[in-house]
Amino acid sequence: MTLVDHLYELRYRLGWAAFGILVGAIFGFIWFSNHVFGLPTLSDILIRPYCQLPPQVRFSPNGECQLLQTKAFEVFMLQLKVGIAVGALLFSPLWLYQLWAFITPGLHANERKFARTFVTIASLLFVFGAVLAYFVVPEGLGFMTSFGGGAFFTALTGGEYINFVLLMLLMFGISFEMPLVLVMLNRAGVVSYVKLKSWWRGIVFGLFVLAAVATPGQDPFSMLALAGCLVILFLIAMVICRAHDRSKAKKLAAQGMNMDDVDLDEASKVDYRPSSLDTSASESRVGSADDAT
């Protein structure tokens, strides 16, 4: 394929991906304030952690659990933002497939198989992280609103609260991808199990720092929940890296080599000598040219 063909292919794939997200955004926009397939409205699902706070610490003029609207178009823009996020999530198989279809012609068969596994695991880890964040939000809000000795009540606007929840879901989901990145680096030969084992104290400390930075609320419950899960996933990643290195060592031993003989920083050897010309092919091309003349 020429460069122009690749650009046309990219435009085609991006068009289908954008169409899927648009359809999902319309669905999410409608679901925000309407019951769909017997499910609670999306606004009820998102506001549920806030409603779990004690009534005496949150503003509620009529006894119901509601958020404040301080601008005329705030709820509309908020509903549109949530709809786009839901559309991107629900139709992620479509746009991930379009991305996959664009890059797969340049991959080998084993690379295609590994990439398919990577995309599946990455999607599951992101969902697990987002689900954990959803259940952690009430604890974090409860801790943050416990200060003040009862002299204050919480009056969050819809934009402030929904942005906080979406950011929590996003940061937890992205953080859960870290162990998968380590496994990818190990399979690529960038880092070995031995190095990970020697760095484990620093990595665990870094995970706690990451959890403290990644949690928007900065409360200890969210930080400890995220850090604990990341440490567990890191230990699982180390087990996978250990199994991979052992398998690789056995294959090298069968070839009379060991892990120390493989220099990952050494460039691949390239033979720059010109290959010999196929005389039979050249003679046939010359003959066909003479016939044409």
C-alpha atoms as a PDB file:
ATOM      1  CA  MET A   1       0.000   0.000   0.000  1.00  0.00           C
ATOM      2  CA  THR A   2       1.168   3.521  -0.807  1.00  0.00           C
ATOM      3  CA  LEU A   3       1.148   6.400   1.668  1.00  0.00           C
ATOM      4  CA  VAL A   4      -2.044   7.750   0.114  1.00  0.00           C
ATOM      5  CA  ASP A   5      -3.693   4.337   0.496  1.00  0.00           C
ATOM      6  CA  HIS A   6      -2.705   4.262   4.171  1.00  0.00           C
ATOM      7  CA  LEU A   7      -4.198   7.724   4.686  1.00  0.00           C
ATOM      8  CA  TYR A   8      -7.450   6.676   3.018  1.00  0.00           C
ATOM      9  CA  GLU A   9      -7.516   3.548   5.187  1.00  0.00           C
ATOM     10  CA  LEU A  10      -6.884   5.630   8.306  1.00  0.00           C
ATOM     11  CA  ARG A  11      -9.710   8.009   7.366  1.00  0.00           C
ATOM     12  CA  TYR A  12     -12.038   5.049   6.837  1.00  0.00           C
ATOM     13  CA  ARG A  13     -11.190   3.490  10.201  1.00  0.00           C
ATOM     14  CA  LEU A  14     -11.420   6.788  12.082  1.00  0.00           C
ATOM     15  CA  GLY A  15     -14.786   7.456  10.457  1.00  0.00           C
ATOM     16  CA  TRP A  16     -16.256   4.188  11.708  1.00  0.00           C
ATOM     17  CA  ALA A  17     -14.742   4.737  15.167  1.00  0.00           C
ATOM     18  CA  ALA A  18     -16.203   8.256  15.368  1.00  0.00           C
ATOM     19  CA  PHE A  19     -19.579   6.969  14.170  1.00  0.00           C
ATOM     20  CA  GLY A  20     -19.631   4.331  16.927  1.00  0.00           C
ATOM     21  CA  ILE A  21     -18.726   6.874  19.605  1.00  0.00           C
ATOM     22  CA  LEU A  22     -21.407   9.240  18.271  1.00  0.00           C
ATOM     23  CA  VAL A  23     -24.085   6.540  18.467  1.00  0.00           C
ATOM     24  CA  GLY A  24     -22.915   5.621  21.966  1.00  0.00           C
ATOM     25  CA  ALA A  25     -22.923   9.279  23.016  1.00  0.00           C
ATOM     26  CA  ILE A  26     -26.547   9.647  21.888  1.00  0.00           C
ATOM     27  CA  PHE A  27     -27.432   6.507  23.837  1.00  0.00           C
ATOM     28  CA  GLY A  28     -25.581   7.762  26.929  1.00  0.00           C
ATOM     29  CA  PHE A  29     -27.241  11.186  26.642  1.00  0.00           C
ATOM     30  CA  ILE A  30     -30.680   9.548  26.633  1.00  0.00           C
ATOM     31  CA  TRP A  31     -29.760   7.072  29.377  1.00  0.00           C
ATOM     32  CA  PHE A  32     -28.588   9.900  31.646  1.00  0.00           C
ATOM     33  CA  SER A  33     -32.164  10.899  32.511  1.00  0.00           C
ATOM     34  CA  ASN A  34     -34.238   7.920  31.322  1.00  0.00           C
ATOM     35  CA  HIS A  35     -34.546   4.277  32.318  1.00  0.00           C
ATOM     36  CA  VAL A  36     -33.111   1.969  29.659  1.00  0.00           C
ATOM     37  CA  PHE A  37     -33.742  -1.793  29.606  1.00  0.00           C
ATOM     38  CA  GLY A  38     -35.040  -1.599  33.165  1.00  0.00           C
ATOM     39  CA  LEU A  39     -31.752  -0.147  34.451  1.00  0.00           C
ATOM     40  CA  PRO A  40     -31.562   2.881  36.740  1.00  0.00           C
ATOM     41  CA  THR A  41     -30.836   6.169  35.040  1.00  0.00           C
ATOM     42  CA  LEU A  42     -27.185   7.010  34.549  1.00  0.00           C
ATOM     43  CA  SER A  43     -27.572  10.075  36.747  1.00  0.00           C
ATOM     44  CA  ASP A  44     -28.883   7.871  39.582  1.00  0.00           C
ATOM     45  CA  ILE A  45     -25.919   5.520  39.199  1.00  0.00           C
ATOM     46  CA  LEU A  46     -23.399   8.366  39.281  1.00  0.00           C
ATOM     47  CA  ILE A  47     -25.034  10.223  42.163  1.00  0.00           C
ATOM     48  CA  ARG A  48     -25.464   7.117  44.325  1.00  0.00           C
ATOM     49  CA  PRO A  49     -22.056   7.458  46.083  1.00  0.00           C
ATOM     50  CA  TYR A  50     -22.951  11.045  47.028  1.00  0.00           C
ATOM     51  CA  CYS A  51     -26.325   9.918  48.358  1.00  0.00           C
ATOM     52  CA  GLN A  52     -24.582   7.474  50.694  1.00  0.00           C
ATOM     53  CA  LEU A  53     -23.275  10.414  52.721  1.00  0.00           C
ATOM     54  CA  PRO A  54     -25.176  11.156  55.942  1.00  0.00           C
ATOM     55  CA  PRO A  55     -28.055  13.593  55.267  1.00  0.00           C
ATOM     56  CA  GLN A  56     -26.726  16.043  57.846  1.00  0.00           C
ATOM     57  CA  VAL A  57     -23.483  16.662  55.940  1.00  0.00           C
ATOM     58  CA  ARG A  58     -24.953  17.308  52.469  1.00  0.00           C
ATOM     59  CA  PHE A  59     -27.249  20.061  51.278  1.00  0.00           C
ATOM     60  CA  SER A  60     -30.783  18.841  50.589  1.00  0.00           C
ATOM     61  CA  PRO A  61     -33.555  21.479  50.607  1.00  0.00           C
ATOM     62  CA  ASN A  62     -36.410  18.996  50.191  1.00  0.00           C
ATOM     63  CA  GLY A  63     -34.912  15.949  51.896  1.00  0.00           C
ATOM     64  CA  GLU A  64     -33.926  14.328  48.591  1.00  0.00           C
ATOM     65  CA  CYS A  65     -30.425  13.623  47.347  1.00  0.00           C
ATOM     66  CA  GLN A  66     -29.722  16.279  44.715  1.00  0.00           C
ATOM     67  CA  LEU A  67     -26.786  18.268  43.381  1.00  0.00           C
ATOM     68  CA  LEU A  68     -26.662  21.995  42.766  1.00  0.00           C
ATOM     69  CA  GLN A  69     -26.940  23.674  39.390  1.00  0.00           C
ATOM     70  CA  THR A  70     -25.379  27.148  39.346  1.00  0.00           C
ATOM     71  CA  LYS A  71     -25.388  27.815  35.580  1.00  0.00           C
ATOM     72  CA  ALA A  72     -28.173  27.635  33.034  1.00  0.00           C
ATOM     73  CA  PHE A  73     -26.525  25.126  30.693  1.00  0.00           C
ATOM     74  CA  GLU A  74     -24.452  23.277  33.296  1.00  0.00           C
ATOM     75  CA  VAL A  75     -26.602  20.145  33.375  1.00  0.00           C
ATOM     76  CA  PHE A  76     -26.873  20.008  29.580  1.00  0.00           C
ATOM     77  CA  MET A  77     -23.094  20.181  29.114  1.00  0.00           C
ATOM     78  CA  LEU A  78     -22.620  17.692  31.940  1.00  0.00           C
ATOM     79  CA  GLN A  79     -25.102  15.283  30.370  1.00  0.00           C
ATOM     80  CA  LEU A  80     -23.311  15.654  27.030  1.00  0.00           C
ATOM     81  CA  LYS A  81     -19.911  14.974  28.618  1.00  0.00           C
ATOM     82  CA  VAL A  82     -21.159  11.864  30.413  1.00  0.00           C
ATOM     83  CA  GLY A  83     -22.850  10.672  27.219  1.00  0.00           C
ATOM     84  CA  ILE A  84     -19.592  10.917  25.256  1.00  0.00           C
ATOM     85  CA  ALA A  85     -17.707   9.059  27.996  1.00  0.00           C
ATOM     86  CA  VAL A  86     -20.318   6.304  28.080  1.00  0.00           C
ATOM     87  CA  GLY A  87     -20.330   6.105  24.285  1.00  0.00           C
ATOM     88  CA  ALA A  88     -16.560   5.715  24.162  1.00  0.00           C
ATOM     89  CA  LEU A  89     -16.762   2.985  26.808  1.00  0.00           C
ATOM     90  CA  LEU A  90     -19.717   1.021  25.435  1.00  0.00           C
ATOM     91  CA  PHE A  91     -18.497   1.149  21.851  1.00  0.00           C
ATOM     92  CA  SER A  92     -14.850   0.538  22.741  1.00  0.00           C
ATOM     93  CA  PRO A  93     -14.949  -2.888  20.986  1.00  0.00           C
ATOM     94  CA  LEU A  94     -15.832  -1.091  17.733  1.00  0.00           C
ATOM     95  CA  TRP A  95     -13.120   1.563  17.777  1.00  0.00           C
ATOM     96  CA  LEU A  96     -10.569  -0.870  19.202  1.00  0.00           C
ATOM     97  CA  TYR A  97     -11.388  -3.202  16.315  1.00  0.00           C
ATOM     98  CA  GLN A  98     -10.913  -0.341  13.837  1.00  0.00           C
ATOM     99  CA  LEU A  99      -7.539   0.409  15.393  1.00  0.00           C
ATOM    100  CA  TRP A 100      -6.698  -3.276  15.267  1.00  0.00           C
ATOM    101  CA  ALA A 101      -7.765  -3.558  11.622  1.00  0.00           C
ATOM    102  CA  PHE A 102      -5.523  -0.624  10.708  1.00  0.00           C
ATOM    103  CA  ILE A 103      -2.329  -1.943  12.302  1.00  0.00           C
ATOM    104  CA  THR A 104      -2.781  -5.696  11.861  1.00  0.00           C
ATOM    105  CA  PRO A 105      -1.542  -5.874   8.214  1.00  0.00           C
ATOM    106  CA  GLY A 106       1.913  -4.871   9.428  1.00  0.00           C
ATOM    107  CA  LEU A 107       2.116  -7.516  12.158  1.00  0.00           C
ATOM    108  CA  HIS A 108       3.295 -11.110  12.055  1.00  0.00           C
ATOM    109  CA  ALA A 109       0.956 -13.936  13.047  1.00  0.00           C
ATOM    110  CA  ASN A 110       2.441 -14.322  16.547  1.00  0.00           C
ATOM    111  CA  GLU A 111       2.347 -10.541  17.054  1.00  0.00           C
ATOM    112  CA  ARG A 112      -1.328 -10.456  16.098  1.00  0.00           C
ATOM    113  CA  LYS A 113      -2.138 -13.160  18.632  1.00  0.00           C
ATOM    114  CA  PHE A 114      -0.202 -11.386  21.383  1.00  0.00           C
ATOM    115  CA  ALA A 115      -1.719  -7.991  20.549  1.00  0.00           C
ATOM    116  CA  ARG A 116      -5.232  -9.469  20.729  1.00  0.00           C
ATOM    117  CA  THR A 117      -4.473 -10.835  24.191  1.00  0.00           C
ATOM    118  CA  PHE A 118      -2.972  -7.498  25.239  1.00  0.00           C
ATOM    119  CA  VAL A 119      -6.060  -5.526  24.173  1.00  0.00           C
ATOM    120  CA  THR A 120      -8.385  -7.952  25.991  1.00  0.00           C
ATOM    121  CA  ILE A 121      -6.432  -7.881  29.250  1.00  0.00           C
ATOM    122  CA  ALA A 122      -5.968  -4.109  29.083  1.00  0.00           C
ATOM    123  CA  SER A 123      -9.718  -3.605  28.686  1.00  0.00           C
ATOM    124  CA  LEU A 124     -10.514  -5.899  31.618  1.00  0.00           C
ATOM    125  CA  LEU A 125      -7.953  -4.214  33.874  1.00  0.00           C
ATOM    126  CA  PHE A 126      -9.360  -0.779  33.059  1.00  0.00           C
ATOM    127  CA  VAL A 127     -12.897  -1.949  33.877  1.00  0.00           C
ATOM    128  CA  PHE A 128     -11.756  -3.516  37.165  1.00  0.00           C
ATOM    129  CA  GLY A 129      -9.994  -0.293  38.130  1.00  0.00           C
ATOM    130  CA  ALA A 130     -13.046   1.818  37.301  1.00  0.00           C
ATOM    131  CA  VAL A 131     -15.345  -0.481  39.293  1.00  0.00           C
ATOM    132  CA  LEU A 132     -13.012  -0.266  42.294  1.00  0.00           C
ATOM    133  CA  ALA A 133     -13.032   3.525  42.049  1.00  0.00           C
ATOM    134  CA  TYR A 134     -16.832   3.588  42.024  1.00  0.00           C
ATOM    135  CA  PHE A 135     -17.001   1.701  45.323  1.00  0.00           C
ATOM    136  CA  VAL A 136     -14.203   3.781  46.857  1.00  0.00           C
ATOM    137  CA  VAL A 137     -15.822   7.151  46.069  1.00  0.00           C
ATOM    138  CA  PRO A 138     -18.335   7.041  48.997  1.00  0.00           C
ATOM    139  CA  GLU A 139     -15.574   6.323  51.516  1.00  0.00           C
ATOM    140  CA  GLY A 140     -13.430   9.109  50.128  1.00  0.00           C
ATOM    141  CA  LEU A 141     -16.287  11.608  50.159  1.00  0.00           C
ATOM    142  CA  GLY A 142     -17.276  10.563  53.657  1.00  0.00           C
ATOM    143  CA  PHE A 143     -13.745  11.158  54.915  1.00  0.00           C
ATOM    144  CA  MET A 144     -13.356  14.520  53.188  1.00  0.00           C
ATOM    145  CA  THR A 145     -16.711  15.793  54.485  1.00  0.00           C
ATOM    146  CA  SER A 146     -16.058  14.640  58.061  1.00  0.00           C
ATOM    147  CA  PHE A 147     -13.927  17.694  58.838  1.00  0.00           C
ATOM    148  CA  GLY A 148     -15.341  20.868  60.312  1.00  0.00           C
ATOM    149  CA  GLY A 149     -16.971  19.504  63.448  1.00  0.00           C
ATOM    150  CA  GLY A 150     -20.500  19.729  62.034  1.00  0.00           C
ATOM    151  CA  ALA A 151     -20.231  23.449  61.261  1.00  0.00           C
ATOM    152  CA  PHE A 152     -20.398  22.876  57.503  1.00  0.00           C
ATOM    153  CA  PHE A 153     -22.564  20.954  55.072  1.00  0.00           C
ATOM    154  CA  THR A 154     -21.565  19.724  51.629  1.00  0.00           C
ATOM    155  CA  ALA A 155     -23.164  21.527  48.685  1.00  0.00           C
ATOM    156  CA  LEU A 156     -21.480  20.121  45.590  1.00  0.00           C
ATOM    157  CA  THR A 157     -22.479  21.295  42.148  1.00  0.00           C
ATOM    158  CA  GLY A 158     -23.249  18.711  39.512  1.00  0.00           C
ATOM    159  CA  GLY A 159     -20.159  19.640  37.494  1.00  0.00           C
ATOM    160  CA  GLU A 160     -17.812  19.406  40.480  1.00  0.00           C
ATOM    161  CA  TYR A 161     -19.132  16.049  41.616  1.00  0.00           C
ATOM    162  CA  ILE A 162     -19.452  14.340  38.214  1.00  0.00           C
ATOM    163  CA  ASN A 163     -16.008  15.567  37.146  1.00  0.00           C
ATOM    164  CA  PHE A 164     -14.606  14.181  40.395  1.00  0.00           C
ATOM    165  CA  VAL A 165     -16.231  10.781  39.845  1.00  0.00           C
ATOM    166  CA  LEU A 166     -15.186  10.556  36.182  1.00  0.00           C
ATOM    167  CA  LEU A 167     -11.619  11.532  37.078  1.00  0.00           C
ATOM    168  CA  MET A 168     -11.537   8.858  39.775  1.00  0.00           C
ATOM    169  CA  LEU A 169     -12.770   6.212  37.320  1.00  0.00           C
ATOM    170  CA  LEU A 170     -10.228   7.301  34.717  1.00  0.00           C
ATOM    171  CA  MET A 171      -7.232   7.463  37.060  1.00  0.00           C
ATOM    172  CA  PHE A 172      -7.991   4.092  38.677  1.00  0.00           C
ATOM    173  CA  GLY A 173      -8.514   2.485  35.274  1.00  0.00           C
ATOM    174  CA  ILE A 174      -5.244   3.837  33.857  1.00  0.00           C
ATOM    175  CA  SER A 175      -3.306   2.925  37.008  1.00  0.00           C
ATOM    176  CA  PHE A 176      -4.440  -0.682  36.689  1.00  0.00           C
ATOM    177  CA  GLU A 177      -2.584  -0.880  33.346  1.00  0.00           C
ATOM    178  CA  MET A 178       0.813  -0.523  35.044  1.00  0.00           C
ATOM    179  CA  PRO A 179       1.402  -4.261  35.733  1.00  0.00           C
ATOM    180  CA  LEU A 180       0.505  -5.062  32.135  1.00  0.00           C
ATOM    181  CA  VAL A 181       3.139  -2.573  30.971  1.00  0.00           C
ATOM    182  CA  LEU A 182       5.734  -4.413  33.068  1.00  0.00           C
ATOM    183  CA  VAL A 183       4.762  -7.728  31.478  1.00  0.00           C
ATOM    184  CA  MET A 184       5.020  -6.159  28.017  1.00  0.00           C
ATOM    185  CA  LEU A 185       8.473  -4.779  28.798  1.00  0.00           C
ATOM    186  CA  ASN A 186       9.536  -8.185  30.066  1.00  0.00           C
ATOM    187  CA  ARG A 187       8.344  -9.964  26.938  1.00  0.00           C
ATOM    188  CA  ALA A 188      10.102  -7.352  24.814  1.00  0.00           C
ATOM    189  CA  GLY A 189      13.339  -8.056  26.675  1.00  0.00           C
ATOM    190  CA  VAL A 190      13.639  -4.589  28.203  1.00  0.00           C
ATOM    191  CA  VAL A 191      13.430  -5.693  31.835  1.00  0.00           C
ATOM    192  CA  SER A 192      13.960  -9.108  33.406  1.00  0.00           C
ATOM    193  CA  TYR A 193      12.481 -10.777  36.455  1.00  0.00           C
ATOM    194  CA  VAL A 194      15.841 -10.539  38.229  1.00  0.00           C
ATOM    195  CA  LYS A 195      15.851  -6.758  37.823  1.00  0.00           C
ATOM    196  CA  LEU A 196      12.251  -6.460  38.979  1.00  0.00           C
ATOM    197  CA  LYS A 197      13.062  -8.545  42.035  1.00  0.00           C
ATOM    198  CA  SER A 198      16.003  -6.294  42.902  1.00  0.00           C
ATOM    199  CA  TRP A 199      13.881  -3.163  42.402  1.00  0.00           C
ATOM    200  CA  TRP A 200      10.734  -4.340  44.193  1.00  0.00           C
ATOM    201  CA  ARG A 201      11.115  -2.043  47.230  1.00  0.00           C
ATOM    202  CA  GLY A 202      11.478   1.045  45.088  1.00  0.00           C
ATOM    203  CA  ILE A 203       8.630  -0.049  42.819  1.00  0.00           C
ATOM    204  CA  VAL A 204       6.271  -0.611  45.768  1.00  0.00           C
ATOM    205  CA  PHE A 205       7.175   2.810  47.143  1.00  0.00           C
ATOM    206  CA  GLY A 206       6.542   4.300  43.705  1.00  0.00           C
ATOM    207  CA  LEU A 207       3.139   2.603  43.574  1.00  0.00           C
ATOM    208  CA  PHE A 208       2.118   4.281  46.823  1.00  0.00           C
ATOM    209  CA  VAL A 209       3.311   7.630  45.469  1.00  0.00           C
ATOM    210  CA  LEU A 210       1.362   6.995  42.261  1.00  0.00           C
ATOM    211  CA  ALA A 211      -1.750   6.130  44.270  1.00  0.00           C
ATOM    212  CA  ALA A 212      -1.416   9.322  46.297  1.00  0.00           C
ATOM    213  CA  VAL A 213      -1.124  11.419  43.132  1.00  0.00           C
ATOM    214  CA  ALA A 214      -3.752   9.538  41.108  1.00  0.00           C
ATOM    215  CA  THR A 215      -6.566   9.866  43.652  1.00  0.00           C
ATOM    216  CA  PRO A 216      -8.214  13.283  43.206  1.00  0.00           C
ATOM    217  CA  GLY A 217      -9.702  13.300  46.690  1.00  0.00           C
ATOM    218  CA  GLN A 218      -6.316  12.771  48.401  1.00  0.00           C
ATOM    219  CA  ASP A 219      -8.068  10.768  51.103  1.00  0.00           C
ATOM    220  CA  PRO A 220      -6.327   7.769  52.706  1.00  0.00           C
ATOM    221  CA  PHE A 221      -9.094   5.282  51.825  1.00  0.00           C
ATOM    222  CA  SER A 222      -8.811   5.859  48.083  1.00  0.00           C
ATOM    223  CA  MET A 223      -5.026   5.905  48.203  1.00  0.00           C
ATOM    224  CA  LEU A 224      -4.727   2.690  50.221  1.00  0.00           C
ATOM    225  CA  ALA A 225      -7.321   0.880  48.098  1.00  0.00           C
ATOM    226  CA  LEU A 226      -5.552   1.810  44.862  1.00  0.00           C
ATOM    227  CA  ALA A 227      -2.060   1.167  46.243  1.00  0.00           C
ATOM    228  CA  GLY A 228      -3.045  -2.215  47.676  1.00  0.00           C
ATOM    229  CA  CYS A 229      -4.521  -3.393  44.374  1.00  0.00           C
ATOM    230  CA  LEU A 230      -1.498  -2.119  42.435  1.00  0.00           C
ATOM    231  CA  VAL A 231       0.889  -3.994  44.730  1.00  0.00           C
ATOM    232  CA  ILE A 232      -1.106  -7.212  44.271  1.00  0.00           C
ATOM    233  CA  LEU A 233      -1.118  -6.745  40.490  1.00  0.00           C
ATOM    234  CA  PHE A 234       2.611  -6.014  40.593  1.00  0.00           C
ATOM    235  CA  LEU A 235       3.255  -9.292  42.421  1.00  0.00           C
ATOM    236  CA  ILE A 236       1.157 -11.136  39.822  1.00  0.00           C
ATOM    237  CA  ALA A 237       3.161  -9.422  37.073  1.00  0.00           C
ATOM    238  CA  MET A 238       6.393 -10.581  38.725  1.00  0.00           C
ATOM    239  CA  VAL A 239       5.144 -14.175  38.756  1.00  0.00           C
ATOM    240  CA  ILE A 240       4.311 -13.927  35.034  1.00  0.00           C
ATOM    241  CA  CYS A 241       7.715 -12.386  34.276  1.00  0.00           C
ATOM    242  CA  ARG A 242       9.442 -15.140  36.239  1.00  0.00           C
ATOM    243  CA  ALA A 243       7.610 -17.852  34.302  1.00  0.00           C
ATOM    244  CA  HIS A 244       8.436 -16.139  30.994  1.00  0.00           C
ATOM    245  CA  ASP A 245      12.139 -15.804  31.845  1.00  0.00           C
ATOM    246  CA  ARG A 246      12.326 -19.446  32.901  1.00  0.00           C
ATOM    247  CA  SER A 247      10.724 -20.550  29.644  1.00  0.00           C
ATOM    248  CA  LYS A 248      13.083 -18.327  27.675  1.00  0.00           C
ATOM    249  CA  ALA A 249      16.089 -19.665  29.577  1.00  0.00           C
ATOM    250  CA  LYS A 250      15.097 -23.252  28.763  1.00  0.00           C
ATOM    251  CA  LYS A 251      14.833 -22.437  25.054  1.00  0.00           C
ATOM    252  CA  LEU A 252      18.235 -20.757  25.077  1.00  0.00           C
ATOM    253  CA  ALA A 253      19.734 -23.683  26.990  1.00  0.00           C
ATOM    254  CA  ALA A 254      18.472 -26.033  24.287  1.00  0.00           C
ATOM    255  CA  GLN A 255      20.415 -23.905  21.783  1.00  0.00           C
ATOM    256  CA  GLY A 256      23.556 -23.953  23.921  1.00  0.00           C
ATOM    257  CA  MET A 257      23.122 -20.367  25.125  1.00  0.00           C
ATOM    258  CA  ASN A 258      22.088 -18.630  28.318  1.00  0.00           C
ATOM    259  CA  MET A 259      20.384 -15.384  29.232  1.00  0.00           C
ATOM    260  CA  ASP A 260      23.706 -13.567  29.664  1.00  0.00           C
ATOM    261  CA  ASP A 261      24.642 -14.308  26.057  1.00  0.00           C
ATOM    262  CA  VAL A 262      21.726 -12.243  24.762  1.00  0.00           C
ATOM    263  CA  ASP A 263      22.625  -8.563  24.498  1.00  0.00           C
ATOM    264  CA  LEU A 264      19.345  -6.674  24.229  1.00  0.00           C
ATOM    265  CA  ASP A 265      21.119  -3.393  23.420  1.00  0.00           C
ATOM    266  CA  GLU A 266      23.049  -4.822  20.512  1.00  0.00           C
ATOM    267  CA  ALA A 267      21.761  -3.764  17.130  1.00  0.00           C
ATOM    268  CA  SER A 268      20.722  -6.427  14.708  1.00  0.00           C
ATOM    269  CA  LYS A 269      23.320  -7.331  12.124  1.00  0.00           C
ATOM    270  CA  VAL A 270      22.460  -6.179   8.640  1.00  0.00           C
ATOM    271  CA  ASP A 271      24.187  -7.459   5.534  1.00  0.00           C
ATOM    272  CA  TYR A 272      24.817  -4.454   3.314  1.00  0.00           C
ATOM    273  CA  ARG A 273      26.356  -6.445   0.454  1.00  0.00           C
ATOM    274  CA  PRO A 274      24.228  -6.303  -2.709  1.00  0.00           C
ATOM    275  CA  SER A 275      22.525  -9.540  -3.627  1.00  0.00           C
ATOM    276  CA  SER A 276      23.311 -11.240  -6.919  1.00  0.00           C
ATOM    277  CA  LEU A 277      21.042 -10.468  -9.836  1.00  0.00           C
ATOM    278  CA  ASP A 278      18.812 -13.242 -11.078  1.00  0.00           C
ATOM    279  CA  THR A 279      20.154 -13.659 -14.642  1.00  0.00           C
ATOM    280  CA  SER A 280      17.207 -15.704 -15.865  1.00  0.00           C
ATOM    281  CA  ALA A 281      14.734 -13.072 -14.660  1.00  0.00           C
ATOM    282  CA  SER A 282      16.779 -10.262 -16.205  1.00  0.00           C
ATOM    283  CA  GLU A 283      17.091 -12.091 -19.543  1.00  0.00           C
ATOM    284  CA  SER A 284      13.324 -12.683 -19.638  1.00  0.00           C
ATOM    285  CA  ARG A 285      12.672  -8.985 -18.962  1.00  0.00           C
ATOM    286  CA  VAL A 286      15.125  -7.992 -21.735  1.00  0.00           C
ATOM    287  CA  GLY A 287      13.503 -10.451 -24.146  1.00  0.00           C
ATOM    288  CA  SER A 288      10.058  -9.119 -23.409  1.00  0.00           C
ATOM    289  CA  ALA A 289      11.324  -5.588 -24.009  1.00  0.00           C
ATOM    290  CA  ASP A 290      12.751  -6.606 -27.397  1.00  0.00           C
ATOM    291  CA  ASP A 291       9.430  -8.164 -28.354  1.00  0.00           C
ATOM    292  CA  ALA A 292       7.639  -4.989 -27.426  1.00  0.00           C
ATOM    293  CA  THR A 293       9.907  -2.955 -29.667  1.00  0.00           C
END
